[in-house]
PDB file of N, CA and C in Angstrom:
ATOM      1  N   UNK A   1     -52.604  23.033 -28.865  1.00  0.00           N
ATOM      2  CA  UNK A   1     -53.889  22.587 -28.351  1.00  0.00           C
ATOM      3  C   UNK A   1     -54.228  23.289 -27.006  1.00  0.00           C
ATOM      4  N   UNK A   2     -53.218  23.946 -26.122  1.00  0.00           N
ATOM      5  CA  UNK A   2     -53.742  25.130 -25.223  1.00  0.00           C
ATOM      6  C   UNK A   2     -53.986  26.441 -25.752  1.00  0.00           C
ATOM      7  N   UNK A   3     -53.695  26.719 -26.812  1.00  0.00           N
ATOM      8  CA  UNK A   3     -54.107  28.025 -27.402  1.00  0.00           C
ATOM      9  C   UNK A   3     -55.568  27.773 -27.817  1.00  0.00           C
ATOM     10  N   UNK A   4     -55.785  26.832 -28.387  1.00  0.00           N
ATOM     11  CA  UNK A   4     -57.169  26.438 -28.850  1.00  0.00           C
ATOM     12  C   UNK A   4     -58.198  26.532 -27.652  1.00  0.00           C
ATOM     13  N   UNK A   5     -57.835  25.837 -26.543  1.00  0.00           N
ATOM     14  CA  UNK A   5     -58.813  25.722 -25.278  1.00  0.00           C
ATOM     15  C   UNK A   5     -58.985  27.256 -25.001  1.00  0.00           C
ATOM     16  N   UNK A   6     -57.830  27.825 -24.878  1.00  0.00           N
ATOM     17  CA  UNK A   6     -57.768  29.500 -24.275  1.00  0.00           C
ATOM     18  C   UNK A   6     -58.711  30.138 -25.506  1.00  0.00           C
ATOM     19  N   UNK A   7     -58.454  29.964 -26.768  1.00  0.00           N
ATOM     20  CA  UNK A   7     -58.966  30.875 -27.587  1.00  0.00           C
ATOM     21  C   UNK A   7     -61.183  30.362 -27.353  1.00  0.00           C
ATOM     22  N   UNK A   8     -61.452  29.038 -27.325  1.00  0.00           N
ATOM     23  CA  UNK A   8     -62.753  28.869 -27.756  1.00  0.00           C
ATOM     24  C   UNK A   8     -63.187  28.663 -26.324  1.00  0.00           C
ATOM     25  N   UNK A   9     -62.734  28.794 -25.195  1.00  0.00           N
ATOM     26  CA  UNK A   9     -63.078  28.344 -23.961  1.00  0.00           C
ATOM     27  C   UNK A   9     -64.081  29.363 -23.499  1.00  0.00           C
ATOM     28  N   UNK A  10     -63.720  30.776 -23.641  1.00  0.00           N
ATOM     29  CA  UNK A  10     -64.273  31.899 -22.996  1.00  0.00           C
ATOM     30  C   UNK A  10     -66.010  31.845 -23.323  1.00  0.00           C
ATOM     31  N   UNK A  11     -66.647  32.584 -22.574  1.00  0.00           N
ATOM     32  CA  UNK A  11     -68.165  32.836 -22.929  1.00  0.00           C
ATOM     33  C   UNK A  11     -68.403  34.315 -23.294  1.00  0.00           C
ATOM     34  N   UNK A  12     -68.958  35.130 -24.332  1.00  0.00           N
ATOM     35  CA  UNK A  12     -69.058  36.040 -24.557  1.00  0.00           C
ATOM     36  C   UNK A  12     -69.452  37.189 -23.660  1.00  0.00           C
ATOM     37  N   UNK A  13     -68.750  38.121 -23.653  1.00  0.00           N
ATOM     38  CA  UNK A  13     -69.246  39.060 -22.527  1.00  0.00           C
ATOM     39  C   UNK A  13     -68.689  38.974 -20.968  1.00  0.00           C
ATOM     40  N   UNK A  14     -67.798  37.712 -20.739  1.00  0.00           N
ATOM     41  CA  UNK A  14     -67.492  37.403 -19.816  1.00  0.00           C
ATOM     42  C   UNK A  14     -65.783  37.337 -19.775  1.00  0.00           C
ATOM     43  N   UNK A  15     -65.442  37.933 -18.762  1.00  0.00           N
ATOM     44  CA  UNK A  15     -63.872  37.847 -18.985  1.00  0.00           C
ATOM     45  C   UNK A  15     -63.623  36.745 -17.879  1.00  0.00           C
ATOM     46  N   UNK A  16     -62.304  35.801 -18.201  1.00  0.00           N
ATOM     47  CA  UNK A  16     -62.136  34.727 -17.294  1.00  0.00           C
ATOM     48  C   UNK A  16     -60.812  34.239 -17.415  1.00  0.00           C
ATOM     49  N   UNK A  17     -60.199  34.006 -16.509  1.00  0.00           N
ATOM     50  CA  UNK A  17     -58.962  33.194 -16.591  1.00  0.00           C
ATOM     51  C   UNK A  17     -58.841  31.786 -16.716  1.00  0.00           C
ATOM     52  N   UNK A  18     -58.469  31.442 -18.001  1.00  0.00           N
ATOM     53  CA  UNK A  18     -58.857  29.755 -18.127  1.00  0.00           C
ATOM     54  C   UNK A  18     -57.082  29.387 -18.439  1.00  0.00           C
ATOM     55  N   UNK A  19     -56.642  28.438 -17.888  1.00  0.00           N
ATOM     56  CA  UNK A  19     -55.503  27.772 -18.215  1.00  0.00           C
ATOM     57  C   UNK A  19     -55.792  26.521 -18.168  1.00  0.00           C
ATOM     58  N   UNK A  20     -54.938  25.688 -19.052  1.00  0.00           N
ATOM     59  CA  UNK A  20     -54.854  24.348 -19.212  1.00  0.00           C
ATOM     60  C   UNK A  20     -53.109  23.641 -19.107  1.00  0.00           C
ATOM     61  N   UNK A  21     -52.978  22.811 -18.535  1.00  0.00           N
ATOM     62  CA  UNK A  21     -51.959  21.864 -18.732  1.00  0.00           C
ATOM     63  C   UNK A  21     -52.121  20.384 -18.910  1.00  0.00           C
ATOM     64  N   UNK A  22     -50.806  20.008 -19.555  1.00  0.00           N
ATOM     65  CA  UNK A  22     -51.048  18.707 -20.172  1.00  0.00           C
ATOM     66  C   UNK A  22     -49.760  17.657 -19.785  1.00  0.00           C
ATOM     67  N   UNK A  23     -50.109  16.604 -19.490  1.00  0.00           N
ATOM     68  CA  UNK A  23     -48.958  15.849 -19.334  1.00  0.00           C
ATOM     69  C   UNK A  23     -49.086  14.724 -20.724  1.00  0.00           C
ATOM     70  N   UNK A  24     -47.922  14.238 -21.230  1.00  0.00           N
ATOM     71  CA  UNK A  24     -47.583  13.640 -22.560  1.00  0.00           C
ATOM     72  C   UNK A  24     -46.405  12.841 -22.173  1.00  0.00           C
ATOM     73  N   UNK A  25     -47.134  11.759 -22.680  1.00  0.00           N
ATOM     74  CA  UNK A  25     -46.369  10.437 -22.675  1.00  0.00           C
ATOM     75  C   UNK A  25     -46.403   9.308 -23.916  1.00  0.00           C
ATOM     76  N   UNK A  26     -45.302   9.079 -24.245  1.00  0.00           N
ATOM     77  CA  UNK A  26     -45.202   8.294 -25.580  1.00  0.00           C
ATOM     78  C   UNK A  26     -45.207   6.698 -25.271  1.00  0.00           C
ATOM     79  N   UNK A  27     -45.900   5.810 -25.925  1.00  0.00           N
ATOM     80  CA  UNK A  27     -46.289   4.461 -25.540  1.00  0.00           C
ATOM     81  C   UNK A  27     -45.078   3.630 -26.009  1.00  0.00           C
ATOM     82  N   UNK A  28     -44.448   2.923 -25.175  1.00  0.00           N
ATOM     83  CA  UNK A  28     -43.065   1.782 -25.215  1.00  0.00           C
ATOM     84  C   UNK A  28     -43.794   0.807 -25.576  1.00  0.00           C
ATOM     85  N   UNK A  29     -43.121   0.037 -26.464  1.00  0.00           N
ATOM     86  CA  UNK A  29     -43.651  -1.417 -26.920  1.00  0.00           C
ATOM     87  C   UNK A  29     -43.876  -2.376 -25.415  1.00  0.00           C
ATOM     88  N   UNK A  30     -43.196  -2.475 -24.613  1.00  0.00           N
ATOM     89  CA  UNK A  30     -43.297  -3.574 -23.336  1.00  0.00           C
ATOM     90  C   UNK A  30     -44.191  -2.628 -22.332  1.00  0.00           C
ATOM     91  N   UNK A  31     -44.703  -1.429 -22.434  1.00  0.00           N
ATOM     92  CA  UNK A  31     -45.334  -0.718 -21.752  1.00  0.00           C
ATOM     93  C   UNK A  31     -47.100  -1.206 -21.738  1.00  0.00           C
ATOM     94  N   UNK A  32     -47.617  -1.210 -20.350  1.00  0.00           N
ATOM     95  CA  UNK A  32     -48.772  -1.615 -20.384  1.00  0.00           C
ATOM     96  C   UNK A  32     -49.845  -0.109 -20.209  1.00  0.00           C
ATOM     97  N   UNK A  33     -51.150   0.022 -20.700  1.00  0.00           N
ATOM     98  CA  UNK A  33     -52.035   1.031 -20.832  1.00  0.00           C
ATOM     99  C   UNK A  33     -51.566   1.701 -19.313  1.00  0.00           C
ATOM    100  N   UNK A  34     -52.017   0.800 -18.211  1.00  0.00           N
ATOM    101  CA  UNK A  34     -52.043   1.483 -16.923  1.00  0.00           C
ATOM    102  C   UNK A  34     -50.530   2.456 -16.636  1.00  0.00           C
ATOM    103  N   UNK A  35     -49.186   1.281 -17.033  1.00  0.00           N
ATOM    104  CA  UNK A  35     -47.898   2.047 -17.215  1.00  0.00           C
ATOM    105  C   UNK A  35     -48.064   3.661 -18.031  1.00  0.00           C
ATOM    106  N   UNK A  36     -48.438   3.410 -19.091  1.00  0.00           N
ATOM    107  CA  UNK A  36     -48.664   4.736 -19.579  1.00  0.00           C
ATOM    108  C   UNK A  36     -49.271   5.880 -19.141  1.00  0.00           C
ATOM    109  N   UNK A  37     -50.588   5.566 -18.924  1.00  0.00           N
ATOM    110  CA  UNK A  37     -51.319   6.485 -18.444  1.00  0.00           C
ATOM    111  C   UNK A  37     -50.690   7.371 -16.961  1.00  0.00           C
ATOM    112  N   UNK A  38     -50.079   6.053 -16.046  1.00  0.00           N
ATOM    113  CA  UNK A  38     -49.416   7.016 -14.872  1.00  0.00           C
ATOM    114  C   UNK A  38     -48.252   7.851 -15.428  1.00  0.00           C
ATOM    115  N   UNK A  39     -47.596   7.486 -16.423  1.00  0.00           N
ATOM    116  CA  UNK A  39     -46.637   8.510 -16.614  1.00  0.00           C
ATOM    117  C   UNK A  39     -46.940   9.946 -17.130  1.00  0.00           C
ATOM    118  N   UNK A  40     -48.039   9.774 -17.835  1.00  0.00           N
ATOM    119  CA  UNK A  40     -49.131  10.949 -18.455  1.00  0.00           C
ATOM    120  C   UNK A  40     -49.568  11.991 -17.070  1.00  0.00           C
ATOM    121  N   UNK A  41     -49.677  11.236 -16.303  1.00  0.00           N
ATOM    122  CA  UNK A  41     -50.406  11.606 -15.081  1.00  0.00           C
ATOM    123  C   UNK A  41     -49.247  12.200 -14.314  1.00  0.00           C
ATOM    124  N   UNK A  42     -48.299  11.866 -13.998  1.00  0.00           N
ATOM    125  CA  UNK A  42     -47.058  12.143 -13.712  1.00  0.00           C
ATOM    126  C   UNK A  42     -46.754  13.476 -13.927  1.00  0.00           C
ATOM    127  N   UNK A  43     -46.327  12.976 -15.513  1.00  0.00           N
ATOM    128  CA  UNK A  43     -46.056  14.499 -16.321  1.00  0.00           C
ATOM    129  C   UNK A  43     -47.225  15.819 -16.094  1.00  0.00           C
ATOM    130  N   UNK A  44     -48.271  15.440 -16.016  1.00  0.00           N
ATOM    131  CA  UNK A  44     -49.515  16.338 -15.799  1.00  0.00           C
ATOM    132  C   UNK A  44     -49.498  17.083 -14.452  1.00  0.00           C
ATOM    133  N   UNK A  45     -49.126  16.158 -13.078  1.00  0.00           N
ATOM    134  CA  UNK A  45     -49.056  16.903 -12.176  1.00  0.00           C
ATOM    135  C   UNK A  45     -47.473  17.869 -12.154  1.00  0.00           C
ATOM    136  N   UNK A  46     -46.610  17.357 -12.954  1.00  0.00           N
ATOM    137  CA  UNK A  46     -45.220  18.172 -13.121  1.00  0.00           C
ATOM    138  C   UNK A  46     -45.248  19.756 -13.773  1.00  0.00           C
ATOM    139  N   UNK A  47     -46.569  19.325 -14.912  1.00  0.00           N
ATOM    140  CA  UNK A  47     -46.755  20.797 -15.414  1.00  0.00           C
ATOM    141  C   UNK A  47     -47.285  21.404 -14.342  1.00  0.00           C
ATOM    142  N   UNK A  48     -48.671  21.067 -13.837  1.00  0.00           N
ATOM    143  CA  UNK A  48     -49.264  22.396 -12.799  1.00  0.00           C
ATOM    144  C   UNK A  48     -48.168  22.714 -11.727  1.00  0.00           C
ATOM    145  N   UNK A  49     -47.339  21.886 -11.191  1.00  0.00           N
ATOM    146  CA  UNK A  49     -45.952  22.265 -10.210  1.00  0.00           C
ATOM    147  C   UNK A  49     -45.241  23.279 -10.712  1.00  0.00           C
ATOM    148  N   UNK A  50     -45.172  23.297 -11.961  1.00  0.00           N
ATOM    149  CA  UNK A  50     -44.462  24.592 -13.085  1.00  0.00           C
ATOM    150  C   UNK A  50     -45.201  25.590 -13.031  1.00  0.00           C
ATOM    151  N   UNK A  51     -46.409  25.567 -12.655  1.00  0.00           N
ATOM    152  CA  UNK A  51     -47.119  26.960 -12.787  1.00  0.00           C
ATOM    153  C   UNK A  51     -48.429  26.867 -13.314  1.00  0.00           C
ATOM    154  N   UNK A  52     -48.475  25.744 -13.945  1.00  0.00           N
ATOM    155  CA  UNK A  52     -49.828  25.537 -14.493  1.00  0.00           C
ATOM    156  C   UNK A  52     -49.571  26.336 -16.107  1.00  0.00           C
ATOM    157  N   UNK A  53     -50.439  25.607 -16.833  1.00  0.00           N
ATOM    158  CA  UNK A  53     -50.612  26.206 -18.382  1.00  0.00           C
ATOM    159  C   UNK A  53     -49.634  26.223 -18.925  1.00  0.00           C
ATOM    160  N   UNK A  54     -49.308  24.711 -19.266  1.00  0.00           N
ATOM    161  CA  UNK A  54     -47.854  24.331 -20.085  1.00  0.00           C
ATOM    162  C   UNK A  54     -48.091  22.900 -20.338  1.00  0.00           C
ATOM    163  N   UNK A  55     -47.194  22.333 -21.192  1.00  0.00           N
ATOM    164  CA  UNK A  55     -47.194  20.728 -21.481  1.00  0.00           C
ATOM    165  C   UNK A  55     -46.052  20.375 -20.829  1.00  0.00           C
ATOM    166  N   UNK A  56     -46.051  19.123 -20.326  1.00  0.00           N
ATOM    167  CA  UNK A  56     -44.858  18.327 -19.688  1.00  0.00           C
ATOM    168  C   UNK A  56     -44.792  17.290 -20.301  1.00  0.00           C
ATOM    169  N   UNK A  57     -43.665  16.895 -20.777  1.00  0.00           N
ATOM    170  CA  UNK A  57     -43.668  15.583 -21.506  1.00  0.00           C
ATOM    171  C   UNK A  57     -43.302  14.498 -20.240  1.00  0.00           C
ATOM    172  N   UNK A  58     -43.716  13.039 -20.251  1.00  0.00           N
ATOM    173  CA  UNK A  58     -42.833  11.912 -19.314  1.00  0.00           C
ATOM    174  C   UNK A  58     -41.545  11.747 -19.552  1.00  0.00           C
ATOM    175  N   UNK A  59     -40.916  11.195 -18.739  1.00  0.00           N
ATOM    176  CA  UNK A  59     -39.621  10.559 -18.543  1.00  0.00           C
ATOM    177  C   UNK A  59     -39.796   9.222 -18.487  1.00  0.00           C
ATOM    178  N   UNK A  60     -38.853   8.343 -19.030  1.00  0.00           N
ATOM    179  CA  UNK A  60     -39.019   7.036 -18.994  1.00  0.00           C
ATOM    180  C   UNK A  60     -37.855   6.765 -17.884  1.00  0.00           C
ATOM    181  N   UNK A  61     -37.555   7.659 -17.373  1.00  0.00           N
ATOM    182  CA  UNK A  61     -36.207   7.549 -16.122  1.00  0.00           C
ATOM    183  C   UNK A  61     -37.122   7.303 -14.853  1.00  0.00           C
ATOM    184  N   UNK A  62     -38.259   8.202 -14.809  1.00  0.00           N
ATOM    185  CA  UNK A  62     -38.992   7.839 -13.931  1.00  0.00           C
ATOM    186  C   UNK A  62     -39.634   6.591 -13.334  1.00  0.00           C
ATOM    187  N   UNK A  63     -40.295   5.849 -14.703  1.00  0.00           N
ATOM    188  CA  UNK A  63     -40.585   4.754 -14.879  1.00  0.00           C
ATOM    189  C   UNK A  63     -39.571   3.775 -14.437  1.00  0.00           C
ATOM    190  N   UNK A  64     -38.503   3.377 -14.858  1.00  0.00           N
ATOM    191  CA  UNK A  64     -37.530   2.734 -14.328  1.00  0.00           C
ATOM    192  C   UNK A  64     -36.992   2.700 -12.826  1.00  0.00           C
ATOM    193  N   UNK A  65     -36.514   3.894 -12.598  1.00  0.00           N
ATOM    194  CA  UNK A  65     -36.151   4.211 -11.016  1.00  0.00           C
ATOM    195  C   UNK A  65     -36.998   3.670 -10.019  1.00  0.00           C
ATOM    196  N   UNK A  66     -38.687   3.785 -10.371  1.00  0.00           N
ATOM    197  CA  UNK A  66     -39.286   3.372  -9.192  1.00  0.00           C
ATOM    198  C   UNK A  66     -39.750   1.778  -9.242  1.00  0.00           C
ATOM    199  N   UNK A  67     -39.139   1.393 -10.828  1.00  0.00           N
ATOM    200  CA  UNK A  67     -39.119  -0.431 -10.736  1.00  0.00           C
ATOM    201  C   UNK A  67     -38.059  -0.740 -10.016  1.00  0.00           C
ATOM    202  N   UNK A  68     -36.930  -0.445  -9.809  1.00  0.00           N
ATOM    203  CA  UNK A  68     -35.688  -1.018  -9.128  1.00  0.00           C
ATOM    204  C   UNK A  68     -35.713  -1.398  -7.760  1.00  0.00           C
TER     205      UNK A  68
END
């Protein structure tokens, strides 16, 4: 997905530095939509902290450790 964004996001004749980061989370059976989105959002911010232009998957550990 990142490669397609970089390939098609440019404007002809204009040089630009475009990057994109993604946070990915897999839905769990007992997880609400809000919890899923929160984990994906957390993963997105981790991707940005790592230097941007990357994909970070969400960890279930972070969800369970904050619930304790």
